[in-house]
């Protein structure tokens, strides 16, 4: 796992560590790590043109000391002062190493730099950048040189990932001691490029993380054992589809089949049942007559270990009755799509002891918790935490960064995925996939996080199977890529599409 801590906890850990170290030692550790990463990024340190964008805080000091180390190796280092103050020790060290502070010509220096170190603000910065910081951030982001952010790109809220106004768009972010949530959560994550973690010794003083992001070895879907049969592997029941939305039925059933369920039981009205039989003959199907049914309808479907309800189900009285029936069971239930619309008016159905997984996008969550969609998208971490507490559920918030939250647990950030997933039907595949993991015995938080990881990786493998440019994909393509995805995760190696460390260039430069 990659662990991330909010700013207050990082500051407390820094204070505890600094009390045991000689004065300035912690900053020197950070500067040494920053300089090392920069040296590896440059084709050659000697003769390279390095510009430091320096604010008045500790990150400005880190940049100055790192610049001094590069200057001693022959780099031509120039510092641009953005604020009214500058770290005196760092500036003295830079000058002693042969670097200098520019009195003029900052724009030309930034435009001609091979590498730019962003030390404008630190992890405590909130709100939009003011002048001249905003202008320097824009110049750096538009330059041809590599941009390396010190701890967090200036303009990104380190604790939440919020970006209000101008922000540095880095190729590489060198962060110290621990990851910060804003490096993992959009829109901030999109400004970070490749994130390099430098160990400065904070570990013993850090509490439990606020946010975690999985690596391939952390994803452990249920594996069949020699004595397994289809019932021991997990039986998932799916209530999905209708005469209007038949595709949701086929895709959610496919997600469960490809997700490793021992058996899938599918129930709906006649037309989607017919299509599911044709596409997935291994699925056990039950036709439900149109109209409202009581909880006894579940007895006809058969015994299951988990339910998936909602994709394409409709939002009328009949759908509400089916949703009420599954939510009154003592089994794990995943609710998606139309089911979430029903829950927005029947939140009383969430008062249950068994695990409930909700998988909304920002628009659906806005109806569940009475918040504006744009507010949710701007502060995803705050809202997913609020939703998990308010709804007493495991909440998987879909979007540019998928987050999974349970009350009083670190929020899971999904590191896989692609904008190509913004296509009809892909969410139905995710619902069936997570339902299979729930039926296999995974706890709700683990099942939702693993499902999001596998689903996102499948999309990436489908859209860029040879590590070339991504191509458009459909929900069916994601389904077809799931077996390869499970094999890749089972190998517990690196993510097959993870960008290499110190990649040098980001998508900022095309």
Protein backbone atom coordinates (compact mmCIF):
# COMPACT_ATOMS: atom_id res chain seq x y z
CA UNK A 1 0.00 0.00 0.00
CA UNK A 2 0.96 3.61 -0.48
CA UNK A 3 0.07 5.50 2.70
CA UNK A 4 -0.94 9.16 2.74
CA UNK A 5 -1.29 11.48 5.72
CA UNK A 6 -2.98 14.84 5.98
CA UNK A 7 -0.91 17.94 6.65
CA UNK A 8 -1.58 18.27 10.38
CA UNK A 9 -0.30 14.75 11.02
CA UNK A 10 2.77 15.31 8.86
CA UNK A 11 3.60 18.51 10.72
CA UNK A 12 3.27 16.79 14.09
CA UNK A 13 5.56 13.96 12.95
CA UNK A 14 8.11 16.48 11.65
CA UNK A 15 8.13 18.33 14.97
CA UNK A 16 8.65 15.10 16.88
CA UNK A 17 11.53 14.06 14.64
CA UNK A 18 13.19 17.49 14.59
CA UNK A 19 13.27 17.47 18.39
CA UNK A 20 15.64 14.48 18.16
CA UNK A 21 17.83 15.79 15.31
CA UNK A 22 20.43 18.54 15.00
CA UNK A 23 19.06 21.86 13.78
CA UNK A 24 18.47 21.80 10.01
CA UNK A 25 19.10 18.08 9.60
CA UNK A 26 15.56 17.28 8.43
CA UNK A 27 15.69 19.92 5.68
CA UNK A 28 19.05 18.58 4.55
CA UNK A 29 17.57 15.08 4.25
CA UNK A 30 14.75 16.43 2.09
CA UNK A 31 17.15 18.49 -0.04
CA UNK A 32 19.46 15.52 -0.58
CA UNK A 33 16.57 13.37 -1.79
CA UNK A 34 15.25 16.14 -4.04
CA UNK A 35 18.68 16.76 -5.57
CA UNK A 36 19.19 13.04 -6.18
CA UNK A 37 15.93 12.72 -8.12
CA UNK A 38 16.72 15.83 -10.16
CA UNK A 39 20.19 14.52 -10.99
CA UNK A 40 18.69 11.28 -12.31
CA UNK A 41 16.23 13.21 -14.46
CA UNK A 42 18.88 15.29 -16.20
CA UNK A 43 20.90 13.75 -19.06
CA UNK A 44 23.93 15.33 -17.41
CA UNK A 45 24.11 17.52 -14.33
CA UNK A 46 27.25 19.39 -15.42
CA UNK A 47 26.32 22.37 -17.56
CA UNK A 48 22.55 21.91 -17.15
CA UNK A 49 20.39 24.98 -16.61
CA UNK A 50 18.39 24.71 -13.39
CA UNK A 51 15.92 27.33 -12.12
CA UNK A 52 14.57 27.35 -8.58
CA UNK A 53 11.18 28.97 -7.94
CA UNK A 54 11.47 29.91 -4.29
CA UNK A 55 8.81 30.98 -1.83
CA UNK A 56 9.34 32.01 1.75
CA UNK A 57 8.54 28.67 3.41
CA UNK A 58 10.42 25.47 4.14
CA UNK A 59 9.87 24.14 0.62
CA UNK A 60 11.74 27.18 -0.64
CA UNK A 61 14.59 26.19 1.68
CA UNK A 62 14.49 22.61 0.39
CA UNK A 63 14.74 23.90 -3.18
CA UNK A 64 17.67 26.20 -2.36
CA UNK A 65 19.67 23.50 -0.60
CA UNK A 66 18.92 21.02 -3.40
CA UNK A 67 19.98 23.64 -5.95
CA UNK A 68 23.25 24.12 -4.06
CA UNK A 69 23.97 20.38 -4.31
CA UNK A 70 23.35 20.48 -8.07
CA UNK A 71 25.53 23.59 -8.43
CA UNK A 72 28.42 21.77 -6.76
CA UNK A 73 28.11 19.14 -9.48
CA UNK A 74 28.46 21.75 -12.20
CA UNK A 75 24.87 22.80 -12.90
CA UNK A 76 24.13 26.48 -13.66
CA UNK A 77 21.59 27.19 -10.92
CA UNK A 78 19.51 30.37 -10.72
CA UNK A 79 16.90 31.15 -8.08
CA UNK A 80 13.79 33.25 -8.59
CA UNK A 81 12.40 34.76 -5.38
CA UNK A 82 8.61 34.89 -5.35
CA UNK A 83 7.91 36.25 -1.88
CA UNK A 84 9.13 39.00 0.37
CA UNK A 85 11.36 36.62 2.35
CA UNK A 86 13.71 33.80 1.46
CA UNK A 87 15.35 31.06 3.53
CA UNK A 88 18.66 32.69 4.58
CA UNK A 89 20.63 29.49 5.13
CA UNK A 90 19.51 28.00 1.86
CA UNK A 91 20.35 31.16 -0.07
CA UNK A 92 23.80 31.38 1.53
CA UNK A 93 24.50 27.74 0.64
CA UNK A 94 23.37 28.29 -2.95
CA UNK A 95 25.64 31.30 -3.35
CA UNK A 96 28.57 29.48 -1.77
CA UNK A 97 28.10 26.68 -4.33
CA UNK A 98 28.16 29.10 -7.26
CA UNK A 99 24.46 29.60 -7.80
CA UNK A 100 22.85 33.00 -7.71
CA UNK A 101 19.63 34.84 -7.02
CA UNK A 102 18.20 36.59 -10.08
CA UNK A 103 17.39 40.30 -9.83
CA UNK A 104 15.78 40.29 -13.28
CA UNK A 105 15.22 38.08 -16.29
CA UNK A 106 13.11 35.47 -14.49
CA UNK A 107 10.86 34.81 -17.49
CA UNK A 108 13.77 34.18 -19.84
CA UNK A 109 15.50 31.94 -17.29
CA UNK A 110 12.38 29.82 -16.79
CA UNK A 111 11.79 29.53 -20.54
CA UNK A 112 15.37 28.41 -21.14
CA UNK A 113 15.72 26.01 -18.20
CA UNK A 114 16.42 22.32 -18.58
CA UNK A 115 14.88 21.68 -15.16
CA UNK A 116 12.71 23.82 -12.88
CA UNK A 117 12.27 23.08 -9.17
CA UNK A 118 8.95 24.33 -7.79
CA UNK A 119 9.42 25.51 -4.20
CA UNK A 120 6.84 28.30 -4.34
CA UNK A 121 4.56 26.99 -1.59
CA UNK A 122 4.54 24.04 0.76
CA UNK A 123 2.12 21.44 2.04
CA UNK A 124 0.39 24.06 4.15
CA UNK A 125 -0.69 26.11 1.15
CA UNK A 126 -4.45 26.40 0.60
CA UNK A 127 -6.57 28.39 -1.80
CA UNK A 128 -5.45 29.84 -5.10
CA UNK A 129 -1.94 31.10 -5.75
CA UNK A 130 -1.44 34.83 -5.50
CA UNK A 131 0.89 36.96 -7.61
CA UNK A 132 3.69 36.60 -8.45
CA UNK A 133 3.39 32.92 -7.52
CA UNK A 134 0.55 32.32 -10.01
CA UNK A 135 2.56 33.87 -12.86
CA UNK A 136 5.64 31.80 -12.08
CA UNK A 137 3.51 28.65 -11.85
CA UNK A 138 2.06 29.34 -15.29
CA UNK A 139 5.49 30.04 -16.79
CA UNK A 140 6.89 26.81 -15.37
CA UNK A 141 3.93 24.74 -16.55
CA UNK A 142 4.24 26.17 -20.07
CA UNK A 143 8.02 25.75 -20.30
CA UNK A 144 9.87 23.09 -22.27
CA UNK A 145 11.97 22.12 -19.27
CA UNK A 146 11.23 19.37 -16.77
CA UNK A 147 9.24 20.61 -13.80
CA UNK A 148 9.93 18.98 -10.42
CA UNK A 149 7.59 19.91 -7.56
CA UNK A 150 8.96 20.00 -4.06
CA UNK A 151 6.66 17.94 -1.77
CA UNK A 152 3.46 19.00 -3.61
CA UNK A 153 2.85 21.10 -6.74
CA UNK A 154 2.21 24.70 -5.70
CA UNK A 155 -1.50 25.45 -5.89
CA UNK A 156 -2.56 21.91 -4.95
CA UNK A 157 -4.11 21.40 -1.51
CA UNK A 158 -1.93 18.66 -0.05
CA UNK A 159 -4.64 17.24 2.20
CA UNK A 160 -7.53 17.10 -0.28
CA UNK A 161 -6.29 17.50 -3.86
CA UNK A 162 -8.37 20.65 -4.36
CA UNK A 163 -7.08 23.16 -6.91
CA UNK A 164 -8.48 26.68 -6.80
CA UNK A 165 -7.04 28.71 -9.62
CA UNK A 166 -3.47 28.51 -10.91
CA UNK A 167 -1.29 25.54 -10.00
CA UNK A 168 2.02 24.11 -11.11
CA UNK A 169 1.71 21.17 -13.51
CA UNK A 170 4.72 19.02 -12.65
CA UNK A 171 6.43 16.21 -14.52
CA UNK A 172 7.69 14.75 -11.24
CA UNK A 173 6.72 15.44 -7.64
CA UNK A 174 9.26 14.60 -4.93
CA UNK A 175 7.38 14.21 -1.66
CA UNK A 176 8.98 13.77 1.74
CA UNK A 177 8.29 11.29 4.52
CA UNK A 178 4.88 10.08 3.36
CA UNK A 179 2.46 10.65 0.53
CA UNK A 180 -0.13 13.37 0.96
CA UNK A 181 -3.76 12.71 -0.05
CA UNK A 182 -3.70 15.55 -2.58
CA UNK A 183 -1.02 13.71 -4.56
CA UNK A 184 -3.39 10.78 -5.09
CA UNK A 185 -6.74 12.50 -5.60
CA UNK A 186 -7.84 14.59 -8.58
CA UNK A 187 -7.76 17.34 -9.55
CA UNK A 188 -4.46 17.63 -7.63
CA UNK A 189 -3.18 14.23 -8.71
CA UNK A 190 -3.36 15.30 -12.36
CA UNK A 191 -0.82 18.05 -11.60
CA UNK A 192 1.76 15.75 -9.97
CA UNK A 193 3.21 13.65 -12.78
CA UNK A 194 5.29 10.77 -11.42
CA UNK A 195 5.43 10.86 -7.61
CA UNK A 196 8.72 9.98 -5.91
CA UNK A 197 8.69 9.35 -2.16
CA UNK A 198 11.85 10.28 -0.24
CA UNK A 199 12.23 8.66 3.19
CA UNK A 200 13.31 11.32 5.71
CA UNK A 201 12.62 9.22 8.81
CA UNK A 202 9.06 10.24 9.70
CA UNK A 203 7.73 6.66 9.81
CA UNK A 204 7.92 6.01 13.60
CA UNK A 205 6.15 9.31 14.33
CA UNK A 206 3.30 8.96 11.83
CA UNK A 207 -0.14 7.74 12.99
CA UNK A 208 -2.48 5.59 10.92
CA UNK A 209 -2.91 6.95 7.38
CA UNK A 210 -5.87 8.98 6.21
CA UNK A 211 -5.77 7.61 2.67
CA UNK A 212 -4.25 4.48 1.14
CA UNK A 213 -3.70 3.42 -2.47
CA UNK A 214 -3.25 -0.22 -3.43
CA UNK A 215 -0.39 -1.79 -5.32
CA UNK A 216 -0.91 -5.01 -7.32
CA UNK A 217 0.29 -7.20 -4.43
CA UNK A 218 -2.43 -5.70 -2.21
CA UNK A 219 -5.25 -6.96 -4.43
CA UNK A 220 -6.22 -10.45 -3.35
CA UNK A 221 -9.48 -11.67 -4.93
CA UNK A 222 -10.78 -15.00 -3.58
CA UNK A 223 -8.91 -17.98 -5.04
CA UNK A 224 -10.60 -21.39 -5.45
CA UNK A 225 -9.06 -24.20 -3.41
CA UNK A 226 -8.86 -27.89 -4.37
CA UNK A 227 -11.98 -28.63 -2.31
CA UNK A 228 -13.94 -25.69 -3.75
CA UNK A 229 -17.23 -26.12 -5.52
CA UNK A 230 -19.49 -23.52 -7.10
CA UNK A 231 -21.30 -22.87 -3.83
CA UNK A 232 -18.13 -22.43 -1.77
CA UNK A 233 -16.76 -20.03 -4.38
CA UNK A 234 -19.79 -17.79 -3.87
CA UNK A 235 -23.21 -17.37 -5.39
CA UNK A 236 -24.21 -13.84 -6.36
CA UNK A 237 -27.76 -12.80 -7.08
CA UNK A 238 -28.42 -9.98 -9.57
CA UNK A 239 -31.59 -7.94 -9.95
CA UNK A 240 -31.01 -5.78 -13.01
CA UNK A 241 -32.35 -4.75 -16.38
CA UNK A 242 -35.82 -4.23 -17.68
CA UNK A 243 -37.63 -3.90 -20.98
CA UNK A 244 -35.97 -0.50 -21.55
CA UNK A 245 -32.40 -1.20 -20.35
CA UNK A 246 -31.53 -4.74 -21.35
CA UNK A 247 -27.82 -4.11 -21.79
CA UNK A 248 -27.33 -3.43 -18.08
CA UNK A 249 -28.57 -6.94 -17.39
CA UNK A 250 -26.09 -8.58 -19.78
CA UNK A 251 -23.14 -6.50 -18.60
CA UNK A 252 -23.70 -6.82 -14.86
CA UNK A 253 -24.17 -10.58 -15.22
CA UNK A 254 -20.98 -10.71 -17.28
CA UNK A 255 -19.08 -8.77 -14.63
CA UNK A 256 -20.07 -11.36 -12.04
CA UNK A 257 -19.21 -14.32 -14.30
CA UNK A 258 -15.81 -12.87 -15.21
CA UNK A 259 -15.33 -11.72 -11.61
CA UNK A 260 -14.95 -15.28 -10.37
CA UNK A 261 -18.37 -16.09 -8.90
CA UNK A 262 -19.04 -19.79 -8.49
CA UNK A 263 -22.59 -19.23 -9.66
CA UNK A 264 -24.60 -16.24 -10.85
CA UNK A 265 -28.35 -16.13 -10.30
CA UNK A 266 -30.04 -13.49 -12.42
CA UNK A 267 -33.66 -12.35 -12.14
CA UNK A 268 -35.64 -9.84 -14.17
CA UNK A 269 -38.56 -9.59 -16.56
CA UNK A 270 -38.61 -11.86 -19.59
CA UNK A 271 -36.66 -9.89 -22.22
CA UNK A 272 -33.43 -9.24 -20.26
CA UNK A 273 -33.55 -12.81 -18.94
CA UNK A 274 -33.65 -14.09 -22.51
CA UNK A 275 -30.64 -11.96 -23.49
CA UNK A 276 -28.63 -13.03 -20.45
CA UNK A 277 -29.31 -16.70 -21.26
CA UNK A 278 -28.06 -16.16 -24.80
CA UNK A 279 -24.87 -14.35 -23.79
CA UNK A 280 -24.08 -16.17 -20.53
CA UNK A 281 -25.55 -19.70 -20.64
CA UNK A 282 -23.87 -20.54 -17.31
CA UNK A 283 -26.06 -18.02 -15.46
CA UNK A 284 -29.11 -19.44 -13.64
CA UNK A 285 -32.06 -17.23 -14.54
CA UNK A 286 -35.50 -16.51 -13.13
CA UNK A 287 -38.26 -14.59 -14.89
CA UNK A 288 -40.11 -12.14 -12.64
CA UNK A 289 -43.49 -11.01 -13.87
CA UNK A 290 -43.91 -7.26 -14.28
CA UNK A 291 -45.34 -5.42 -11.29
CA UNK A 292 -44.72 -5.05 -7.60
CA UNK A 293 -43.52 -8.09 -5.61
CA UNK A 294 -42.97 -8.72 -1.91
CA UNK A 295 -39.88 -10.27 -0.33
CA UNK A 296 -41.05 -13.80 -1.14
CA UNK A 297 -39.88 -13.27 -4.71
CA UNK A 298 -36.32 -13.84 -3.51
CA UNK A 299 -37.17 -17.41 -2.49
CA UNK A 300 -37.93 -18.22 -6.14
CA UNK A 301 -34.52 -16.95 -7.22
CA UNK A 302 -32.64 -19.21 -4.83
CA UNK A 303 -29.97 -18.92 -2.14
CA UNK A 304 -27.12 -16.46 -2.67
CA UNK A 305 -24.24 -15.05 -0.64
CA UNK A 306 -24.56 -11.46 -1.91
CA UNK A 307 -26.90 -9.34 -3.99
CA UNK A 308 -26.42 -6.77 -6.74
CA UNK A 309 -29.44 -4.56 -7.39
CA UNK A 310 -30.16 -1.58 -9.56
CA UNK A 311 -28.47 -1.50 -13.01
CA UNK A 312 -31.21 -0.79 -15.55
CA UNK A 313 -33.88 -1.87 -13.04
CA UNK A 314 -36.04 1.23 -13.33
CA UNK A 315 -37.09 3.60 -10.59
CA UNK A 316 -40.79 2.90 -10.18
CA UNK A 317 -42.76 0.99 -7.55
CA UNK A 318 -41.71 -2.43 -8.87
CA UNK A 319 -38.02 -1.58 -8.66
CA UNK A 320 -38.48 -0.07 -5.21
CA UNK A 321 -40.13 -3.27 -3.95
CA UNK A 322 -37.29 -5.45 -5.25
CA UNK A 323 -34.69 -3.15 -3.68
CA UNK A 324 -36.55 -3.20 -0.39
CA UNK A 325 -36.66 -7.00 -0.51
CA UNK A 326 -32.87 -7.43 -0.86
CA UNK A 327 -32.06 -4.72 1.67
CA UNK A 328 -34.16 -6.45 4.33
CA UNK A 329 -31.97 -9.57 4.04
CA UNK A 330 -28.93 -10.17 6.23
CA UNK A 331 -26.65 -10.49 3.17
CA UNK A 332 -24.20 -8.01 1.61
CA UNK A 333 -25.92 -5.87 -1.02
CA UNK A 334 -24.42 -3.66 -3.73
CA UNK A 335 -26.73 -0.92 -5.03
CA UNK A 336 -25.98 0.92 -8.26
CA UNK A 337 -27.58 3.08 -10.94
CA UNK A 338 -31.39 3.08 -10.76
CA UNK A 339 -31.19 1.56 -7.30
CA UNK A 340 -29.39 4.68 -6.09
CA UNK A 341 -32.15 6.86 -7.48
CA UNK A 342 -34.66 4.84 -5.46
CA UNK A 343 -32.52 5.14 -2.34
CA UNK A 344 -32.44 8.93 -2.70
CA UNK A 345 -36.14 8.89 -1.78
CA UNK A 346 -36.00 5.82 0.49
CA UNK A 347 -32.91 6.33 2.62
CA UNK A 348 -34.70 4.45 5.39
CA UNK A 349 -33.83 1.24 3.49
CA UNK A 350 -30.18 1.77 4.45
CA UNK A 351 -30.91 1.14 8.12
CA UNK A 352 -29.54 -2.39 8.17
CA UNK A 353 -26.82 -4.37 9.93
CA UNK A 354 -25.47 -6.23 6.92
CA UNK A 355 -22.85 -4.62 4.61
CA UNK A 356 -24.12 -2.25 1.94
CA UNK A 357 -21.99 -1.02 -0.96
CA UNK A 358 -23.13 2.03 -2.92
CA UNK A 359 -21.41 2.90 -6.21
CA UNK A 360 -22.51 6.40 -7.25
CA UNK A 361 -20.94 8.91 -9.58
CA UNK A 362 -20.99 12.52 -8.41
CA UNK A 363 -24.45 13.22 -9.83
CA UNK A 364 -25.99 10.22 -8.08
CA UNK A 365 -24.23 11.07 -4.82
CA UNK A 366 -25.54 14.62 -5.02
CA UNK A 367 -29.08 13.24 -4.78
CA UNK A 368 -28.22 10.92 -1.92
CA UNK A 369 -26.58 13.55 0.31
CA UNK A 370 -28.14 16.79 -0.98
CA UNK A 371 -24.93 18.37 -2.22
CA UNK A 372 -24.19 20.08 -5.53
CA UNK A 373 -22.45 17.90 -8.08
CA UNK A 374 -19.76 20.50 -8.73
CA UNK A 375 -19.03 20.72 -4.99
CA UNK A 376 -18.59 16.95 -4.82
CA UNK A 377 -16.24 16.92 -7.80
CA UNK A 378 -14.15 19.76 -6.32
CA UNK A 379 -13.85 18.10 -2.88
CA UNK A 380 -14.22 14.38 -3.51
CA UNK A 381 -12.47 13.26 -0.33
CA UNK A 382 -14.64 15.35 1.98
CA UNK A 383 -17.86 14.23 0.35
CA UNK A 384 -17.12 10.50 0.15
CA UNK A 385 -16.27 10.53 3.87
CA UNK A 386 -19.44 12.41 4.65
CA UNK A 387 -21.52 10.01 2.57
CA UNK A 388 -20.07 6.91 4.22
CA UNK A 389 -20.89 8.30 7.67
CA UNK A 390 -24.30 9.70 6.78
CA UNK A 391 -25.50 6.65 4.83
CA UNK A 392 -23.87 3.99 7.07
CA UNK A 393 -22.53 2.27 3.97
CA UNK A 394 -19.39 1.55 2.01
CA UNK A 395 -19.40 4.27 -0.64
CA UNK A 396 -17.47 3.93 -3.91
CA UNK A 397 -17.46 7.35 -5.56
CA UNK A 398 -16.72 6.95 -9.27
CA UNK A 399 -14.90 9.59 -11.25
CA UNK A 400 -11.50 10.82 -12.36
CA UNK A 401 -10.23 9.45 -9.06
CA UNK A 402 -12.38 6.64 -7.67
CA UNK A 403 -12.57 6.72 -3.87
CA UNK A 404 -13.91 4.05 -1.52
CA UNK A 405 -14.88 5.03 2.01
CA UNK A 406 -16.18 3.45 5.19
CA UNK A 407 -16.71 5.35 8.41
CA UNK A 408 -13.60 5.50 10.64
CA UNK A 409 -11.38 3.75 8.06
CA UNK A 410 -8.70 5.18 5.77
CA UNK A 411 -10.18 6.11 2.41
CA UNK A 412 -9.05 3.83 -0.43
CA UNK A 413 -7.88 5.63 -3.57
CA UNK A 414 -7.98 3.63 -6.76
CA UNK A 415 -4.77 4.11 -8.79
CA UNK A 416 -5.96 2.37 -11.96
CA UNK A 417 -8.43 3.43 -14.60
CA UNK A 418 -8.55 5.64 -17.66
CA UNK A 419 -10.86 8.37 -19.00
CA UNK A 420 -11.87 5.75 -21.60
CA UNK A 421 -14.03 4.21 -18.85
CA UNK A 422 -16.45 7.10 -19.32
CA UNK A 423 -18.61 4.94 -21.57
CA UNK A 424 -22.08 3.48 -21.19
CA UNK A 425 -22.23 0.12 -19.44
CA UNK A 426 -18.83 0.08 -17.77
CA UNK A 427 -20.42 0.78 -14.39
CA UNK A 428 -22.70 -2.24 -14.84
CA UNK A 429 -19.61 -4.42 -15.32
CA UNK A 430 -18.14 -3.00 -12.10
CA UNK A 431 -21.32 -3.78 -10.17
CA UNK A 432 -21.29 -7.44 -11.17
CA UNK A 433 -17.56 -7.71 -10.50
CA UNK A 434 -17.81 -6.34 -6.96
CA UNK A 435 -20.87 -8.50 -6.35
CA UNK A 436 -18.81 -11.60 -7.21
CA UNK A 437 -16.08 -10.53 -4.76
CA UNK A 438 -18.66 -9.95 -2.03
CA UNK A 439 -20.19 -13.37 -2.64
CA UNK A 440 -16.70 -14.88 -2.45
CA UNK A 441 -16.38 -13.63 1.11
CA UNK A 442 -14.40 -10.39 0.81
CA UNK A 443 -15.33 -7.63 3.30
CA UNK A 444 -17.22 -4.77 1.72
CA UNK A 445 -14.37 -2.23 1.77
CA UNK A 446 -11.88 -4.74 0.34
CA UNK A 447 -14.32 -5.98 -2.30
CA UNK A 448 -15.17 -2.47 -3.50
CA UNK A 449 -11.52 -1.38 -3.61
CA UNK A 450 -10.35 -4.57 -5.33
CA UNK A 451 -13.22 -4.38 -7.82
CA UNK A 452 -12.35 -0.80 -8.71
CA UNK A 453 -8.67 -1.72 -9.13
CA UNK A 454 -9.37 -4.72 -11.37
CA UNK A 455 -11.99 -2.85 -13.38
CA UNK A 456 -9.67 0.11 -13.96
CA UNK A 457 -6.73 -2.08 -14.91
CA UNK A 458 -8.92 -4.09 -17.30
CA UNK A 459 -9.91 -0.86 -19.02
CA UNK A 460 -6.29 0.21 -19.37
CA UNK A 461 -5.27 -3.17 -20.76
CA UNK A 462 -8.18 -3.07 -23.20
CA UNK A 463 -7.47 0.48 -24.38
CA UNK A 464 -3.66 0.21 -24.61
CA UNK A 465 -2.71 -3.49 -24.82
CA UNK A 466 0.76 -2.76 -26.24
CA UNK A 467 1.57 0.32 -24.14
CA UNK A 468 0.88 2.51 -27.14
CA UNK A 469 -1.70 5.30 -27.41
CA UNK A 470 -5.03 4.50 -25.83
CA UNK A 471 -7.92 3.56 -28.10
CA UNK A 472 -11.67 3.83 -27.51
CA UNK A 473 -13.17 0.89 -25.64
CA UNK A 474 -16.63 -0.41 -24.81
CA UNK A 475 -17.96 -2.08 -21.70
CA UNK A 476 -17.68 -5.38 -23.56
CA UNK A 477 -13.95 -4.74 -24.05
CA UNK A 478 -13.54 -4.32 -20.28
CA UNK A 479 -15.31 -7.64 -19.73
CA UNK A 480 -13.06 -9.39 -22.21
CA UNK A 481 -9.92 -8.02 -20.51
CA UNK A 482 -10.85 -9.20 -17.00
CA UNK A 483 -9.20 -12.67 -17.23
CA UNK A 484 -5.90 -11.08 -18.26
CA UNK A 485 -6.27 -8.58 -15.43
CA UNK A 486 -6.75 -11.29 -12.81
CA UNK A 487 -3.65 -13.07 -14.10
CA UNK A 488 -1.62 -9.85 -13.94
CA UNK A 489 -2.66 -9.17 -10.35
CA UNK A 490 -2.09 -12.76 -9.28
CA UNK A 491 1.52 -12.47 -10.47
CA UNK A 492 1.87 -9.65 -7.88
CA UNK A 493 4.36 -7.78 -9.99
CA UNK A 494 4.27 -4.17 -11.02
CA UNK A 495 1.17 -2.75 -12.62
CA UNK A 496 1.72 -3.64 -16.31
CA UNK A 497 0.76 -0.12 -17.36
CA UNK A 498 2.30 1.85 -14.47
CA UNK A 499 4.60 4.60 -15.78
CA UNK A 500 8.23 3.92 -14.89
CA UNK A 501 9.74 5.82 -11.99
CA UNK A 502 11.51 9.01 -13.04
CA UNK A 503 9.85 8.80 -16.41
CA UNK A 504 11.23 12.16 -17.45
CA UNK A 505 8.34 13.42 -19.51
CA UNK A 506 4.67 13.53 -18.64
CA UNK A 507 1.54 13.93 -20.70
CA UNK A 508 1.91 17.68 -20.05
CA UNK A 509 4.35 17.73 -22.97
CA UNK A 510 2.47 15.32 -25.22
